[in-house]
Amino acid sequence: MPAHDNGSIQLYQASLTTREQRELGRAERTIARGLNSFLEVGLALKAIRDQRLYRQQYDTFEEYCIRRWDFSRIRAYQICAASEV
């Protein structure tokens, strides 16, 4: 650690250029869309799980997640739990 660094966090308050402000806006809109999608995906997975809507083609929710979406049951439950927050 440099001699002048006391371990505190330094906050930057530099102004953004017009281009940077546009880029920030684009990035934040992408995040907002992704968060909405993430919430929708979690709620959809919960409905499929809770109502056993997978049962016509799959024996278990785990099998449904793996074969239909290529992710584990654990990941599906994480997404479901995140949508509850």
C-alpha atoms as a PDB file:
ATOM      1  CA  MET A   1       0.000   0.000   0.000  1.00  0.00           C
ATOM      2  CA  PRO A   2       1.465   3.402  -0.886  1.00  0.00           C
ATOM      3  CA  ALA A   3       2.497   5.594   2.032  1.00  0.00           C
ATOM      4  CA  HIS A   4      -0.219   8.160   1.252  1.00  0.00           C
ATOM      5  CA  ASP A   5      -3.015   5.557   1.082  1.00  0.00           C
ATOM      6  CA  ASN A   6      -4.799   5.242   4.406  1.00  0.00           C
ATOM      7  CA  GLY A   7      -7.044   2.403   3.211  1.00  0.00           C
ATOM      8  CA  SER A   8     -10.065   4.615   2.623  1.00  0.00           C
ATOM      9  CA  ILE A   9     -12.210   4.367  -0.472  1.00  0.00           C
ATOM     10  CA  GLN A  10     -11.711   7.247  -2.861  1.00  0.00           C
ATOM     11  CA  LEU A  11     -14.835   8.594  -4.515  1.00  0.00           C
ATOM     12  CA  TYR A  12     -14.539  10.046  -7.985  1.00  0.00           C
ATOM     13  CA  GLN A  13     -16.743  12.939  -8.963  1.00  0.00           C
ATOM     14  CA  ALA A  14     -15.441  13.615 -12.443  1.00  0.00           C
ATOM     15  CA  SER A  15     -17.977  14.846 -14.977  1.00  0.00           C
ATOM     16  CA  LEU A  16     -18.989  12.578 -17.821  1.00  0.00           C
ATOM     17  CA  THR A  17     -18.696  13.679 -21.396  1.00  0.00           C
ATOM     18  CA  THR A  18     -21.845  13.784 -23.516  1.00  0.00           C
ATOM     19  CA  ARG A  19     -20.745  10.565 -25.187  1.00  0.00           C
ATOM     20  CA  GLU A  20     -20.182   8.884 -21.811  1.00  0.00           C
ATOM     21  CA  GLN A  21     -23.592  10.059 -20.588  1.00  0.00           C
ATOM     22  CA  ARG A  22     -25.221   8.473 -23.665  1.00  0.00           C
ATOM     23  CA  GLU A  23     -23.268   5.251 -23.098  1.00  0.00           C
ATOM     24  CA  LEU A  24     -24.299   5.212 -19.432  1.00  0.00           C
ATOM     25  CA  GLY A  25     -27.933   5.680 -20.456  1.00  0.00           C
ATOM     26  CA  ARG A  26     -27.737   2.818 -22.977  1.00  0.00           C
ATOM     27  CA  ALA A  27     -26.067   0.526 -20.448  1.00  0.00           C
ATOM     28  CA  GLU A  28     -28.608   1.341 -17.732  1.00  0.00           C
ATOM     29  CA  ARG A  29     -31.533   0.713 -20.099  1.00  0.00           C
ATOM     30  CA  THR A  30     -30.022  -2.673 -20.944  1.00  0.00           C
ATOM     31  CA  ILE A  31     -29.733  -3.487 -17.253  1.00  0.00           C
ATOM     32  CA  ALA A  32     -33.333  -2.417 -16.630  1.00  0.00           C
ATOM     33  CA  ARG A  33     -34.593  -4.636 -19.487  1.00  0.00           C
ATOM     34  CA  GLY A  34     -32.509  -7.521 -18.197  1.00  0.00           C
ATOM     35  CA  LEU A  35     -33.841  -7.147 -14.681  1.00  0.00           C
ATOM     36  CA  ASN A  36     -37.412  -7.164 -15.966  1.00  0.00           C
ATOM     37  CA  SER A  37     -36.675 -10.235 -18.066  1.00  0.00           C
ATOM     38  CA  PHE A  38     -34.954 -11.935 -15.150  1.00  0.00           C
ATOM     39  CA  LEU A  39     -37.998 -11.325 -12.961  1.00  0.00           C
ATOM     40  CA  GLU A  40     -40.317 -12.641 -15.665  1.00  0.00           C
ATOM     41  CA  VAL A  41     -38.193 -15.757 -16.181  1.00  0.00           C
ATOM     42  CA  GLY A  42     -38.151 -16.456 -12.452  1.00  0.00           C
ATOM     43  CA  LEU A  43     -41.901 -16.060 -12.130  1.00  0.00           C
ATOM     44  CA  ALA A  44     -42.472 -18.301 -15.176  1.00  0.00           C
ATOM     45  CA  LEU A  45     -40.206 -21.006 -13.767  1.00  0.00           C
ATOM     46  CA  LYS A  46     -42.011 -20.815 -10.429  1.00  0.00           C
ATOM     47  CA  ALA A  47     -45.363 -21.273 -12.156  1.00  0.00           C
ATOM     48  CA  ILE A  48     -44.056 -24.265 -14.109  1.00  0.00           C
ATOM     49  CA  ARG A  49     -42.592 -25.782 -10.956  1.00  0.00           C
ATOM     50  CA  ASP A  50     -45.458 -25.036  -8.575  1.00  0.00           C
ATOM     51  CA  GLN A  51     -48.204 -26.148 -10.961  1.00  0.00           C
ATOM     52  CA  ARG A  52     -46.138 -29.047 -12.304  1.00  0.00           C
ATOM     53  CA  LEU A  53     -46.708 -27.792 -15.851  1.00  0.00           C
ATOM     54  CA  TYR A  54     -43.725 -29.872 -17.010  1.00  0.00           C
ATOM     55  CA  ARG A  55     -45.476 -33.167 -16.244  1.00  0.00           C
ATOM     56  CA  GLN A  56     -46.788 -33.955 -19.743  1.00  0.00           C
ATOM     57  CA  GLN A  57     -43.271 -34.399 -21.155  1.00  0.00           C
ATOM     58  CA  TYR A  58     -41.002 -34.661 -18.101  1.00  0.00           C
ATOM     59  CA  ASP A  59     -41.149 -36.632 -14.888  1.00  0.00           C
ATOM     60  CA  THR A  60     -39.518 -34.003 -12.687  1.00  0.00           C
ATOM     61  CA  PHE A  61     -38.832 -30.284 -12.605  1.00  0.00           C
ATOM     62  CA  GLU A  62     -35.124 -31.116 -12.593  1.00  0.00           C
ATOM     63  CA  GLU A  63     -35.439 -33.163 -15.782  1.00  0.00           C
ATOM     64  CA  TYR A  64     -37.453 -30.346 -17.371  1.00  0.00           C
ATOM     65  CA  CYS A  65     -34.795 -27.756 -16.542  1.00  0.00           C
ATOM     66  CA  ILE A  66     -31.916 -29.873 -17.775  1.00  0.00           C
ATOM     67  CA  ARG A  67     -33.479 -31.163 -20.979  1.00  0.00           C
ATOM     68  CA  ARG A  68     -35.499 -28.103 -21.974  1.00  0.00           C
ATOM     69  CA  TRP A  69     -33.240 -25.237 -20.852  1.00  0.00           C
ATOM     70  CA  ASP A  70     -29.862 -26.900 -20.242  1.00  0.00           C
ATOM     71  CA  PHE A  71     -29.475 -25.707 -16.686  1.00  0.00           C
ATOM     72  CA  SER A  72     -29.564 -27.490 -13.374  1.00  0.00           C
ATOM     73  CA  ARG A  73     -32.453 -27.639 -10.960  1.00  0.00           C
ATOM     74  CA  ILE A  74     -30.274 -25.690  -8.517  1.00  0.00           C
ATOM     75  CA  ARG A  75     -29.880 -22.860 -11.027  1.00  0.00           C
ATOM     76  CA  ALA A  76     -33.628 -22.873 -11.706  1.00  0.00           C
ATOM     77  CA  TYR A  77     -34.342 -22.601  -7.974  1.00  0.00           C
ATOM     78  CA  GLN A  78     -31.844 -19.747  -7.695  1.00  0.00           C
ATOM     79  CA  ILE A  79     -33.661 -17.865 -10.464  1.00  0.00           C
ATOM     80  CA  CYS A  80     -37.016 -18.570  -8.802  1.00  0.00           C
ATOM     81  CA  ALA A  81     -35.720 -17.334  -5.452  1.00  0.00           C
ATOM     82  CA  ALA A  82     -34.238 -14.195  -7.005  1.00  0.00           C
ATOM     83  CA  SER A  83     -37.607 -13.317  -8.527  1.00  0.00           C
ATOM     84  CA  GLU A  84     -39.137 -13.337  -5.039  1.00  0.00           C
ATOM     85  CA  VAL A  85     -36.906 -10.545  -3.778  1.00  0.00           C
END
